[in-house]
């Protein structure tokens, strides 16, 4: 995966984590529960992609 694209995935994951943390403090945190798994998926996708390219 292109490093620029990986950077965008990591940046999007960071934004998701920041929104989840901010949403947990304001408004009860129900809306932010879905942002944590999305952030984790965005964080792990470049690693998964690079592992798939290496494996196959």
N, C-alpha and C. Protein backbone atom coordinates (compact mmCIF):
# COMPACT_ATOMS: atom_id res chain seq x y z
N UNK A 1 0.85 -1.17 0.00
CA UNK A 1 0.00 0.00 0.00
C UNK A 1 0.90 1.23 0.00
N UNK A 2 0.48 2.21 -0.73
CA UNK A 2 1.21 3.47 -0.81
C UNK A 2 1.27 4.11 0.58
N UNK A 3 2.42 4.58 1.01
CA UNK A 3 2.52 5.19 2.35
C UNK A 3 1.60 6.39 2.55
N UNK A 4 1.32 7.13 1.50
CA UNK A 4 0.39 8.26 1.63
C UNK A 4 -1.02 7.79 1.95
N UNK A 5 -1.42 6.71 1.30
CA UNK A 5 -2.75 6.15 1.56
C UNK A 5 -2.82 5.55 2.97
N UNK A 6 -1.76 4.88 3.38
CA UNK A 6 -1.71 4.35 4.75
C UNK A 6 -1.81 5.47 5.77
N UNK A 7 -1.12 6.59 5.49
CA UNK A 7 -1.19 7.74 6.39
C UNK A 7 -2.63 8.24 6.51
N UNK A 8 -3.37 8.27 5.41
CA UNK A 8 -4.76 8.73 5.46
C UNK A 8 -5.62 7.79 6.28
N UNK A 9 -5.37 6.47 6.18
CA UNK A 9 -6.10 5.52 7.01
C UNK A 9 -5.80 5.75 8.49
N UNK A 10 -4.52 5.94 8.82
CA UNK A 10 -4.15 6.18 10.22
C UNK A 10 -4.73 7.50 10.73
N UNK A 11 -4.75 8.50 9.89
CA UNK A 11 -5.32 9.79 10.27
C UNK A 11 -6.83 9.67 10.51
N UNK A 12 -7.52 8.94 9.64
CA UNK A 12 -8.96 8.73 9.82
C UNK A 12 -9.24 7.94 11.10
N UNK A 13 -8.38 6.97 11.41
CA UNK A 13 -8.54 6.21 12.64
C UNK A 13 -8.35 7.11 13.85
N UNK A 14 -7.37 7.99 13.79
CA UNK A 14 -7.13 8.92 14.89
C UNK A 14 -8.32 9.84 15.09
N UNK A 15 -8.91 10.30 14.00
CA UNK A 15 -10.10 11.16 14.10
C UNK A 15 -11.26 10.39 14.73
N UNK A 16 -11.43 9.12 14.34
CA UNK A 16 -12.50 8.31 14.93
C UNK A 16 -12.30 8.13 16.43
N UNK A 17 -11.05 7.85 16.84
CA UNK A 17 -10.77 7.69 18.26
C UNK A 17 -11.00 9.00 19.02
N UNK A 18 -10.61 10.11 18.43
CA UNK A 18 -10.81 11.40 19.09
C UNK A 18 -12.30 11.73 19.22
N UNK A 19 -13.06 11.46 18.18
CA UNK A 19 -14.51 11.70 18.25
C UNK A 19 -15.18 10.78 19.26
N UNK A 20 -14.72 9.53 19.34
CA UNK A 20 -15.28 8.60 20.31
C UNK A 20 -14.96 9.05 21.73
N UNK A 21 -13.74 9.54 21.94
CA UNK A 21 -13.37 10.02 23.27
C UNK A 21 -14.16 11.27 23.64
N UNK A 22 -14.33 12.17 22.71
CA UNK A 22 -15.08 13.39 22.99
C UNK A 22 -16.57 13.08 23.15
N UNK A 23 -17.08 12.14 22.38
CA UNK A 23 -18.49 11.79 22.48
C UNK A 23 -18.82 11.04 23.74
N UNK A 24 -17.84 10.36 24.33
CA UNK A 24 -18.07 9.65 25.57
C UNK A 24 -18.28 10.59 26.74
N UNK A 25 -17.69 11.77 26.66
CA UNK A 25 -17.82 12.74 27.74
C UNK A 25 -19.08 13.59 27.59
N UNK A 26 -19.56 13.72 26.35
CA UNK A 26 -20.71 14.58 26.09
C UNK A 26 -21.84 13.73 25.55
N UNK A 27 -23.00 13.79 26.14
CA UNK A 27 -24.18 13.15 25.59
C UNK A 27 -24.32 11.67 25.89
N UNK A 28 -23.67 11.14 26.86
CA UNK A 28 -23.91 9.77 27.27
C UNK A 28 -23.08 8.72 26.57
N UNK A 29 -22.48 9.01 25.45
CA UNK A 29 -21.56 8.09 24.81
C UNK A 29 -22.17 7.03 23.92
N UNK A 30 -23.48 7.05 23.70
CA UNK A 30 -24.07 6.02 22.85
C UNK A 30 -23.64 6.14 21.39
N UNK A 31 -23.54 7.35 20.88
CA UNK A 31 -23.16 7.55 19.48
C UNK A 31 -21.70 7.22 19.24
N UNK A 32 -20.87 7.33 20.27
CA UNK A 32 -19.44 7.10 20.09
C UNK A 32 -19.07 5.63 20.16
N UNK A 33 -19.99 4.75 20.54
CA UNK A 33 -19.68 3.33 20.66
C UNK A 33 -19.32 2.75 19.30
N UNK A 34 -19.95 3.18 18.24
CA UNK A 34 -19.66 2.66 16.91
C UNK A 34 -18.37 3.20 16.32
N UNK A 35 -17.84 4.28 16.87
CA UNK A 35 -16.62 4.86 16.32
C UNK A 35 -15.37 4.10 16.73
N UNK A 36 -15.41 3.42 17.86
CA UNK A 36 -14.23 2.67 18.31
C UNK A 36 -13.93 1.50 17.38
N UNK A 37 -14.92 0.65 17.04
CA UNK A 37 -14.61 -0.43 16.09
C UNK A 37 -14.22 0.09 14.70
N UNK A 38 -14.83 1.19 14.29
CA UNK A 38 -14.46 1.78 13.00
C UNK A 38 -13.02 2.27 13.04
N UNK A 39 -12.63 2.90 14.12
CA UNK A 39 -11.25 3.35 14.27
C UNK A 39 -10.27 2.20 14.27
N UNK A 40 -10.63 1.11 14.95
CA UNK A 40 -9.76 -0.07 14.96
C UNK A 40 -9.64 -0.68 13.57
N UNK A 41 -10.74 -0.74 12.85
CA UNK A 41 -10.69 -1.28 11.49
C UNK A 41 -9.83 -0.42 10.58
N UNK A 42 -9.96 0.89 10.69
CA UNK A 42 -9.13 1.79 9.88
C UNK A 42 -7.67 1.69 10.27
N UNK A 43 -7.39 1.46 11.54
CA UNK A 43 -6.01 1.35 12.02
C UNK A 43 -5.35 0.07 11.50
N UNK A 44 -6.11 -1.02 11.44
CA UNK A 44 -5.54 -2.31 11.06
C UNK A 44 -5.58 -2.59 9.56
N UNK A 45 -6.36 -1.84 8.80
CA UNK A 45 -6.50 -2.13 7.38
C UNK A 45 -5.19 -2.05 6.60
N UNK A 46 -4.33 -1.04 6.81
CA UNK A 46 -3.05 -1.03 6.06
C UNK A 46 -2.18 -2.25 6.37
N UNK A 47 -2.15 -2.67 7.63
CA UNK A 47 -1.38 -3.86 8.00
C UNK A 47 -1.96 -5.10 7.33
N UNK A 48 -3.28 -5.22 7.34
CA UNK A 48 -3.93 -6.36 6.69
C UNK A 48 -3.65 -6.37 5.20
N UNK A 49 -3.72 -5.21 4.56
CA UNK A 49 -3.48 -5.12 3.12
C UNK A 49 -2.05 -5.51 2.78
N UNK A 50 -1.08 -4.97 3.52
CA UNK A 50 0.32 -5.28 3.25
C UNK A 50 0.64 -6.75 3.52
N UNK A 51 0.01 -7.34 4.52
CA UNK A 51 0.21 -8.76 4.79
C UNK A 51 -0.37 -9.60 3.66
N UNK A 52 -1.52 -9.22 3.14
CA UNK A 52 -2.11 -9.94 2.02
C UNK A 52 -1.27 -9.84 0.77
N UNK A 53 -0.69 -8.68 0.51
CA UNK A 53 0.17 -8.51 -0.66
C UNK A 53 1.43 -9.38 -0.51
N UNK A 54 1.98 -9.42 0.68
CA UNK A 54 3.18 -10.22 0.92
C UNK A 54 2.87 -11.71 0.84
N UNK A 55 1.72 -12.12 1.33
CA UNK A 55 1.38 -13.55 1.36
C UNK A 55 1.03 -14.11 -0.02
N UNK A 56 0.38 -13.28 -0.84
CA UNK A 56 -0.05 -13.79 -2.14
C UNK A 56 0.64 -13.04 -3.25
